[in-house]
Amino acid sequence: MKIINDKSNSVFVTEVDGKEAYLRYTMKGENVIDFIYTYTPPELRGNGLAEKIVREGFLFAKGSKLKVIPTCPYIMYFLSKNEEFKDLLN
């Protein structure tokens, strides 16, 4: 599965069976990224897609030395299972 950071549309996105799952974000200045919304089509839920996409978002933030605003409620759930990213919270 390939996850793309489509910077022009501010979204991490992957396509599965012709349907898109994504993490929408917005930049707050140069050093902060706000993860605002995740979406997985109903028929693709339960396969770990949101987790993989959010992980990719956090890896991008870490590699870019960004702090993360966890606006999307799923982000806090993800962090409860992936504590290694908690230091990135703004």
C-alpha atoms as a PDB file:
ATOM      1  CA  MET A   1       0.000   0.000   0.000  1.00  0.00           C
ATOM      2  CA  LYS A   2       1.376   3.368  -1.013  1.00  0.00           C
ATOM      3  CA  ILE A   3       0.568   6.471   1.036  1.00  0.00           C
ATOM      4  CA  ILE A   4       1.158   9.786  -0.683  1.00  0.00           C
ATOM      5  CA  ASN A   5       1.605  13.159   0.985  1.00  0.00           C
ATOM      6  CA  ASP A   6      -0.286  15.346  -1.459  1.00  0.00           C
ATOM      7  CA  LYS A   7       1.059  18.659  -0.179  1.00  0.00           C
ATOM      8  CA  SER A   8      -0.890  20.751  -2.676  1.00  0.00           C
ATOM      9  CA  ASN A   9      -4.145  19.411  -1.182  1.00  0.00           C
ATOM     10  CA  SER A  10      -2.839  19.006   2.400  1.00  0.00           C
ATOM     11  CA  VAL A  11      -3.684  15.321   2.654  1.00  0.00           C
ATOM     12  CA  PHE A  12      -1.990  11.976   3.220  1.00  0.00           C
ATOM     13  CA  VAL A  13      -3.918   9.600   0.986  1.00  0.00           C
ATOM     14  CA  THR A  14      -3.997   6.005  -0.152  1.00  0.00           C
ATOM     15  CA  GLU A  15      -6.253   4.224  -2.604  1.00  0.00           C
ATOM     16  CA  VAL A  16      -7.638   0.742  -2.029  1.00  0.00           C
ATOM     17  CA  ASP A  17     -10.066  -0.919  -4.439  1.00  0.00           C
ATOM     18  CA  GLY A  18     -10.664   2.417  -6.149  1.00  0.00           C
ATOM     19  CA  LYS A  19     -11.585   4.188  -2.912  1.00  0.00           C
ATOM     20  CA  GLU A  20      -9.557   6.762  -0.982  1.00  0.00           C
ATOM     21  CA  ALA A  21      -8.704   6.784   2.713  1.00  0.00           C
ATOM     22  CA  TYR A  22      -6.966   9.892   3.988  1.00  0.00           C
ATOM     23  CA  LEU A  23      -5.672  12.157   6.730  1.00  0.00           C
ATOM     24  CA  ARG A  24      -6.375  15.817   6.050  1.00  0.00           C
ATOM     25  CA  TYR A  25      -4.076  18.385   7.627  1.00  0.00           C
ATOM     26  CA  THR A  26      -3.261  22.057   7.656  1.00  0.00           C
ATOM     27  CA  MET A  27       0.021  23.794   8.380  1.00  0.00           C
ATOM     28  CA  LYS A  28       0.056  26.338  11.197  1.00  0.00           C
ATOM     29  CA  GLY A  29       3.097  28.437  10.413  1.00  0.00           C
ATOM     30  CA  GLU A  30       6.317  26.658   9.534  1.00  0.00           C
ATOM     31  CA  ASN A  31       6.692  24.347  12.526  1.00  0.00           C
ATOM     32  CA  VAL A  32       3.225  22.999  13.351  1.00  0.00           C
ATOM     33  CA  ILE A  33       0.942  20.587  11.507  1.00  0.00           C
ATOM     34  CA  ASP A  34      -2.703  20.161  12.503  1.00  0.00           C
ATOM     35  CA  PHE A  35      -4.135  16.696  11.790  1.00  0.00           C
ATOM     36  CA  ILE A  36      -7.742  17.733  11.326  1.00  0.00           C
ATOM     37  CA  TYR A  37      -9.634  14.775   9.904  1.00  0.00           C
ATOM     38  CA  THR A  38      -9.246  11.102   9.008  1.00  0.00           C
ATOM     39  CA  TYR A  39     -11.564   9.232   6.709  1.00  0.00           C
ATOM     40  CA  THR A  40     -11.817   5.586   5.702  1.00  0.00           C
ATOM     41  CA  PRO A  41     -14.681   4.461   3.463  1.00  0.00           C
ATOM     42  CA  PRO A  42     -17.101   2.254   5.447  1.00  0.00           C
ATOM     43  CA  GLU A  43     -16.412  -0.823   3.333  1.00  0.00           C
ATOM     44  CA  LEU A  44     -12.660  -0.548   4.066  1.00  0.00           C
ATOM     45  CA  ARG A  45     -12.888   0.038   7.818  1.00  0.00           C
ATOM     46  CA  GLY A  46     -11.387  -2.461  10.229  1.00  0.00           C
ATOM     47  CA  ASN A  47      -8.303  -3.109   8.096  1.00  0.00           C
ATOM     48  CA  GLY A  48      -5.942  -0.689   9.849  1.00  0.00           C
ATOM     49  CA  LEU A  49      -5.898   1.893   7.050  1.00  0.00           C
ATOM     50  CA  ALA A  50      -6.393   4.903   9.332  1.00  0.00           C
ATOM     51  CA  GLU A  51      -3.571   3.704  11.582  1.00  0.00           C
ATOM     52  CA  LYS A  52      -1.180   3.321   8.644  1.00  0.00           C
ATOM     53  CA  ILE A  53      -2.037   6.742   7.236  1.00  0.00           C
ATOM     54  CA  VAL A  54      -1.782   8.490  10.618  1.00  0.00           C
ATOM     55  CA  ARG A  55       1.566   6.745  11.265  1.00  0.00           C
ATOM     56  CA  GLU A  56       2.797   8.114   7.941  1.00  0.00           C
ATOM     57  CA  GLY A  57       1.654  11.584   9.006  1.00  0.00           C
ATOM     58  CA  PHE A  58       3.547  11.317  12.292  1.00  0.00           C
ATOM     59  CA  LEU A  59       6.676  10.030  10.543  1.00  0.00           C
ATOM     60  CA  PHE A  60       6.485  13.024   8.212  1.00  0.00           C
ATOM     61  CA  ALA A  61       6.068  15.385  11.180  1.00  0.00           C
ATOM     62  CA  LYS A  62       8.994  13.798  13.010  1.00  0.00           C
ATOM     63  CA  GLY A  63      11.256  13.889   9.955  1.00  0.00           C
ATOM     64  CA  SER A  64      10.313  17.505   9.302  1.00  0.00           C
ATOM     65  CA  LYS A  65      10.719  18.505  12.974  1.00  0.00           C
ATOM     66  CA  LEU A  66       7.081  19.587  13.224  1.00  0.00           C
ATOM     67  CA  LYS A  67       4.844  19.698  16.265  1.00  0.00           C
ATOM     68  CA  VAL A  68       1.392  18.125  15.896  1.00  0.00           C
ATOM     69  CA  ILE A  69      -2.014  19.503  16.853  1.00  0.00           C
ATOM     70  CA  PRO A  70      -4.333  16.475  17.283  1.00  0.00           C
ATOM     71  CA  THR A  71      -7.649  18.009  16.190  1.00  0.00           C
ATOM     72  CA  CYS A  72      -8.994  14.725  14.807  1.00  0.00           C
ATOM     73  CA  PRO A  73     -10.277  12.527  17.671  1.00  0.00           C
ATOM     74  CA  TYR A  74      -8.692   9.437  16.092  1.00  0.00           C
ATOM     75  CA  ILE A  75      -5.227  10.918  16.664  1.00  0.00           C
ATOM     76  CA  MET A  76      -5.533  10.585  20.455  1.00  0.00           C
ATOM     77  CA  TYR A  77      -6.690   6.974  20.055  1.00  0.00           C
ATOM     78  CA  PHE A  78      -3.677   6.323  17.803  1.00  0.00           C
ATOM     79  CA  LEU A  79      -1.337   7.902  20.364  1.00  0.00           C
ATOM     80  CA  SER A  80      -2.730   5.707  23.142  1.00  0.00           C
ATOM     81  CA  LYS A  81      -1.309   2.750  21.206  1.00  0.00           C
ATOM     82  CA  ASN A  82       1.786   4.488  19.767  1.00  0.00           C
ATOM     83  CA  GLU A  83       3.321   6.457  22.606  1.00  0.00           C
ATOM     84  CA  GLU A  84       6.582   6.977  20.734  1.00  0.00           C
ATOM     85  CA  PHE A  85       4.933   9.895  18.915  1.00  0.00           C
ATOM     86  CA  LYS A  86       3.518  11.708  21.977  1.00  0.00           C
ATOM     87  CA  ASP A  87       6.553  13.998  22.188  1.00  0.00           C
ATOM     88  CA  LEU A  88       5.445  15.549  18.887  1.00  0.00           C
ATOM     89  CA  LEU A  89       2.260  17.013  20.360  1.00  0.00           C
ATOM     90  CA  ASN A  90       2.066  20.772  20.380  1.00  0.00           C
END
